[in-house]
Amino acid sequence: MRQRLSSEPDRYRGRRRVPTPPRSRYAAVVTSAFVGAGVVAIGAASQLPDAKAVNPTVLQNLGEVSAAQDALADRSADDGDRASRGEERGAATTKLSEEQAAAEAWLLPLDDYEFTSAYGVRFGKLHAGIDLAAPEGTPYKSIHAGTVTSAGYMGGYGYAVTVKQDDGTEIIYAHSRRLLVQAGDKVKAGQLLGEVGNTGYSYGTHLHVEVHVNGSPTDPIVFLRAHGVDIKLKIESVLGALAAS
């Protein structure tokens, strides 16, 4: 090892050397710094609201939102089920409507006619029905479904047909030239009953129509209009059109 000569300039002469702290002391300083930072962080964190101390209103709102979402999901599922059931019921209803159309239809007795006489007093007596003029032999049909209770010659009515409905209402078709049904027959709306004629006490070829409710005659114009049939305007009910199609 070379020894420094006394004649060599001392580069360190006049300078103060800062002593290096011991390793253990340096570690203690660093450790203290980290501990201090941790204490500060803990102190800052202690100022945050505790999860257990959250505002009850906030918790309630969160609960309501969650419940609303669940309700919407349940309602969507229910809507899907109802739509499926609705489609099934729709198919059944369509079929049922076709069957009901035949039973509940109300139709005009003639396809073409001229309204010639109304219900009311005529020549001092009650004209208990209406008269629809049409060429002799024109087929006429049942206005509504029912059972034929009589079919034959009926004095002043000439050859006539009486159809009784399920509710007891009776419709009489008179002055026929020929009858196409007989007592006991079940008929539907639109089924042919006979042909227009001039038999009995009749003045000209026409179809006389009477309606009896509870055994008493009533104005056919008013009665049929309540069931969707307008004699004067020659309009049938919607169900009637469905049954005839």
Protein backbone atom coordinates (compact mmCIF):
# COMPACT_ATOMS: atom_id res chain seq x y z
CA MET A 1 0.00 0.00 0.00
CA ARG A 2 1.37 3.33 -1.07
CA GLN A 3 1.91 5.79 1.69
CA ARG A 4 1.01 9.35 1.11
CA LEU A 5 4.04 11.63 1.15
CA SER A 6 4.00 14.61 3.33
CA SER A 7 4.83 16.74 0.32
CA GLU A 8 1.59 15.74 -1.51
CA PRO A 9 -1.21 18.20 -1.16
CA ASP A 10 -3.99 17.02 1.07
CA ARG A 11 -7.17 17.23 -1.10
CA TYR A 12 -9.31 16.85 1.91
CA ARG A 13 -7.54 19.38 4.03
CA GLY A 14 -9.85 22.19 5.09
CA ARG A 15 -12.99 20.17 4.32
CA ARG A 16 -15.50 18.82 6.86
CA ARG A 17 -16.60 15.32 6.28
CA VAL A 18 -20.19 14.57 7.14
CA PRO A 19 -20.30 11.33 9.03
CA THR A 20 -22.55 8.61 7.55
CA PRO A 21 -25.27 7.65 9.97
CA PRO A 22 -25.32 4.10 11.14
CA ARG A 23 -27.48 1.70 9.10
CA SER A 24 -29.73 1.00 12.04
CA ARG A 25 -30.44 4.68 12.50
CA TYR A 26 -31.27 5.16 8.79
CA ALA A 27 -33.75 2.29 8.93
CA ALA A 28 -35.38 3.80 11.96
CA VAL A 29 -35.84 7.12 10.17
CA VAL A 30 -37.40 5.48 7.10
CA THR A 31 -39.63 3.36 9.26
CA SER A 32 -40.78 6.40 11.20
CA ALA A 33 -41.66 8.16 7.93
CA PHE A 34 -43.85 5.28 6.75
CA VAL A 35 -45.50 4.98 10.14
CA GLY A 36 -46.24 8.70 10.11
CA ALA A 37 -47.79 8.48 6.67
CA GLY A 38 -49.91 5.57 7.83
CA VAL A 39 -51.12 7.52 10.82
CA VAL A 40 -52.09 10.42 8.55
CA ALA A 41 -53.93 8.07 6.21
CA ILE A 42 -55.76 6.42 9.07
CA GLY A 43 -56.70 9.81 10.42
CA ALA A 44 -58.07 10.88 7.06
CA ALA A 45 -59.96 7.65 6.70
CA SER A 46 -61.49 8.11 10.10
CA GLN A 47 -63.24 11.19 8.69
CA LEU A 48 -65.15 9.07 6.07
CA PRO A 49 -68.66 7.95 6.93
CA ASP A 50 -68.90 4.48 8.36
CA ALA A 51 -70.85 2.03 6.11
CA LYS A 52 -73.03 1.26 9.08
CA ALA A 53 -73.76 4.95 9.53
CA VAL A 54 -74.98 5.62 5.93
CA ASN A 55 -78.00 7.91 5.73
CA PRO A 56 -81.17 5.75 6.18
CA THR A 57 -82.86 7.67 3.33
CA VAL A 58 -80.14 6.56 0.93
CA LEU A 59 -80.54 2.95 1.99
CA GLN A 60 -84.30 3.23 1.63
CA ASN A 61 -83.97 4.67 -1.89
CA LEU A 62 -81.60 1.89 -2.87
CA GLY A 63 -84.07 -0.65 -1.52
CA GLU A 64 -86.92 0.93 -3.46
CA VAL A 65 -84.92 0.87 -6.70
CA SER A 66 -84.09 -2.78 -6.19
CA ALA A 67 -87.72 -3.61 -5.45
CA ALA A 68 -88.86 -1.69 -8.52
CA GLN A 69 -86.43 -3.60 -10.72
CA ASP A 70 -87.68 -6.89 -9.31
CA ALA A 71 -91.29 -5.82 -9.90
CA LEU A 72 -90.55 -4.88 -13.49
CA ALA A 73 -88.92 -8.25 -14.11
CA ASP A 74 -91.90 -10.05 -12.57
CA ARG A 75 -94.35 -7.96 -14.59
CA SER A 76 -92.49 -8.70 -17.83
CA ALA A 77 -92.73 -12.40 -17.08
CA ASP A 78 -96.43 -12.05 -16.25
CA ASP A 79 -97.05 -10.10 -19.46
CA GLY A 80 -95.43 -12.88 -21.44
CA ASP A 81 -97.63 -15.46 -19.73
CA ARG A 82 -100.76 -13.35 -20.27
CA ALA A 83 -99.91 -12.84 -23.93
CA SER A 84 -99.50 -16.57 -24.37
CA ARG A 85 -102.78 -17.25 -22.58
CA GLY A 86 -104.44 -14.45 -24.59
CA GLU A 87 -103.41 -16.10 -27.85
CA GLU A 88 -104.86 -19.38 -26.67
CA ARG A 89 -108.08 -17.70 -25.59
CA GLY A 90 -108.19 -15.77 -28.88
CA ALA A 91 -108.19 -19.01 -30.84
CA ALA A 92 -110.96 -20.41 -28.65
CA THR A 93 -112.97 -17.19 -28.89
CA THR A 94 -112.77 -17.19 -32.68
CA LYS A 95 -114.15 -20.68 -32.82
CA LEU A 96 -116.83 -19.86 -30.26
CA SER A 97 -117.84 -16.74 -32.19
CA GLU A 98 -118.45 -18.76 -35.32
CA GLU A 99 -120.71 -21.11 -33.40
CA GLN A 100 -122.49 -18.25 -31.66
CA ALA A 101 -123.00 -16.43 -34.96
CA ALA A 102 -125.33 -19.17 -36.16
CA ALA A 103 -127.30 -19.12 -32.91
CA GLU A 104 -127.39 -15.37 -32.32
CA ALA A 105 -127.64 -14.01 -35.87
CA TRP A 106 -130.55 -11.81 -36.95
CA LEU A 107 -131.26 -11.45 -40.67
CA LEU A 108 -133.69 -9.84 -43.06
CA PRO A 109 -136.44 -12.28 -44.18
CA LEU A 110 -136.03 -11.31 -47.86
CA ASP A 111 -133.08 -10.26 -49.96
CA ASP A 112 -135.16 -7.73 -51.87
CA TYR A 113 -138.60 -6.32 -51.09
CA GLU A 114 -140.72 -3.21 -50.83
CA PHE A 115 -141.99 -2.11 -47.45
CA THR A 116 -145.75 -1.51 -48.00
CA SER A 117 -147.54 -1.58 -44.64
CA ALA A 118 -146.51 -0.83 -41.05
CA TYR A 119 -147.65 -2.18 -37.68
CA GLY A 120 -150.70 -0.39 -36.28
CA VAL A 121 -154.44 0.16 -36.61
CA ARG A 122 -155.76 -0.26 -40.15
CA PHE A 123 -159.44 -0.24 -41.22
CA GLY A 124 -160.39 -0.03 -37.53
CA LYS A 125 -158.43 -3.14 -36.62
CA LEU A 126 -154.88 -3.80 -35.43
CA HIS A 127 -152.58 -4.79 -38.22
CA ALA A 128 -150.31 -6.83 -35.96
CA GLY A 129 -147.37 -7.09 -38.34
CA ILE A 130 -145.63 -5.56 -41.33
CA ASP A 131 -146.02 -6.29 -45.05
CA LEU A 132 -143.10 -6.75 -47.44
CA ALA A 133 -144.07 -6.92 -51.11
CA ALA A 134 -142.07 -9.26 -53.37
CA PRO A 135 -142.75 -11.31 -56.53
CA GLU A 136 -144.70 -14.51 -56.03
CA GLY A 137 -142.48 -17.50 -55.41
CA THR A 138 -139.66 -15.43 -53.91
CA PRO A 139 -138.04 -17.55 -51.15
CA TYR A 140 -138.07 -16.09 -47.66
CA LYS A 141 -135.85 -17.11 -44.77
CA SER A 142 -135.92 -17.33 -41.00
CA ILE A 143 -134.99 -14.09 -39.25
CA HIS A 144 -133.61 -15.89 -36.18
CA ALA A 145 -132.89 -19.40 -34.98
CA GLY A 146 -135.66 -21.41 -33.31
CA THR A 147 -138.11 -24.27 -33.61
CA VAL A 148 -141.00 -24.46 -36.06
CA THR A 149 -144.11 -24.82 -33.89
CA SER A 150 -146.62 -24.69 -36.75
CA ALA A 151 -146.51 -24.89 -40.54
CA GLY A 152 -149.72 -25.05 -42.59
CA TYR A 153 -152.88 -23.23 -43.49
CA MET A 154 -153.91 -20.76 -40.75
CA GLY A 155 -157.18 -19.10 -41.88
CA GLY A 156 -156.67 -15.42 -42.60
CA TYR A 157 -152.89 -15.92 -42.56
CA GLY A 158 -153.14 -18.38 -45.43
CA TYR A 159 -150.17 -20.74 -45.51
CA ALA A 160 -147.98 -19.63 -42.63
CA VAL A 161 -144.99 -20.68 -40.54
CA THR A 162 -144.42 -19.91 -36.86
CA VAL A 163 -140.89 -20.09 -35.45
CA LYS A 164 -140.47 -20.00 -31.66
CA GLN A 165 -137.17 -18.86 -30.21
CA ASP A 166 -135.53 -20.16 -27.03
CA ASP A 167 -136.79 -17.15 -25.03
CA GLY A 168 -140.38 -17.79 -26.12
CA THR A 169 -140.57 -15.05 -28.74
CA GLU A 170 -142.54 -16.12 -31.83
CA ILE A 171 -142.22 -14.87 -35.40
CA ILE A 172 -145.02 -15.59 -37.89
CA TYR A 173 -144.50 -15.60 -41.67
CA ALA A 174 -147.86 -15.49 -43.48
CA HIS A 175 -149.61 -15.55 -46.90
CA SER A 176 -147.12 -18.05 -48.35
CA ARG A 177 -147.56 -19.78 -51.66
CA ARG A 178 -145.59 -22.81 -50.48
CA LEU A 179 -143.98 -23.97 -47.24
CA LEU A 180 -140.53 -25.59 -47.06
CA VAL A 181 -140.51 -26.68 -43.40
CA GLN A 182 -142.78 -28.54 -41.02
CA ALA A 183 -143.62 -28.46 -37.32
CA GLY A 184 -140.77 -29.69 -35.13
CA ASP A 185 -137.95 -28.57 -37.44
CA LYS A 186 -134.99 -26.75 -35.92
CA VAL A 187 -134.03 -23.79 -38.08
CA LYS A 188 -131.19 -21.30 -38.12
CA ALA A 189 -131.13 -17.68 -39.19
CA GLY A 190 -131.09 -17.56 -42.96
CA GLN A 191 -132.68 -20.97 -43.48
CA LEU A 192 -135.43 -21.02 -46.12
CA LEU A 193 -138.94 -21.39 -44.71
CA GLY A 194 -141.24 -20.91 -47.71
CA GLU A 195 -142.14 -18.84 -50.74
CA VAL A 196 -143.97 -15.52 -50.96
CA GLY A 197 -147.62 -15.84 -51.98
CA ASN A 198 -151.08 -14.32 -51.79
CA THR A 199 -153.05 -16.83 -49.69
CA GLY A 200 -155.55 -16.04 -46.92
CA TYR A 201 -156.83 -12.55 -46.37
CA SER A 202 -154.29 -10.90 -48.62
CA TYR A 203 -154.35 -8.02 -51.07
CA GLY A 204 -151.44 -8.61 -53.40
CA THR A 205 -148.39 -10.85 -53.25
CA HIS A 206 -146.40 -10.13 -50.12
CA LEU A 207 -144.88 -11.57 -46.93
CA HIS A 208 -146.62 -10.68 -43.69
CA VAL A 209 -144.29 -10.78 -40.63
CA GLU A 210 -145.53 -10.70 -37.03
CA VAL A 211 -143.55 -10.76 -33.78
CA HIS A 212 -145.17 -11.94 -30.53
CA VAL A 213 -143.38 -11.30 -27.23
CA ASN A 214 -144.85 -13.07 -24.20
CA GLY A 215 -147.85 -13.97 -26.31
CA SER A 216 -148.65 -10.40 -27.39
CA PRO A 217 -147.92 -8.79 -30.79
CA THR A 218 -145.31 -6.04 -30.91
CA ASP A 219 -144.04 -3.74 -33.63
CA PRO A 220 -141.55 -5.80 -35.70
CA ILE A 221 -139.75 -2.65 -36.83
CA VAL A 222 -138.86 -1.64 -33.27
CA PHE A 223 -138.20 -5.19 -32.10
CA LEU A 224 -135.87 -6.10 -34.97
CA ARG A 225 -134.04 -2.79 -34.86
CA ALA A 226 -133.04 -3.60 -31.28
CA HIS A 227 -131.36 -6.74 -32.68
CA GLY A 228 -129.45 -4.99 -35.43
CA VAL A 229 -131.99 -5.48 -38.24
CA ASP A 230 -133.52 -2.44 -39.89
CA ILE A 231 -136.44 -3.40 -42.15
CA LYS A 232 -136.81 0.04 -43.71
CA LEU A 233 -133.11 0.52 -44.41
CA LYS A 234 -132.61 -3.16 -45.30
CA ILE A 235 -129.71 -3.57 -42.86
CA GLU A 236 -128.80 -6.82 -41.10
CA SER A 237 -126.78 -7.35 -37.94
CA VAL A 238 -123.03 -7.92 -38.01
CA LEU A 239 -123.49 -11.40 -36.56
CA GLY A 240 -126.03 -12.04 -39.26
CA ALA A 241 -123.49 -11.26 -41.95
CA LEU A 242 -120.97 -13.54 -40.23
CA ALA A 243 -123.42 -16.41 -40.05
CA ALA A 244 -124.46 -16.03 -43.67
CA SER A 245 -120.83 -16.01 -44.93
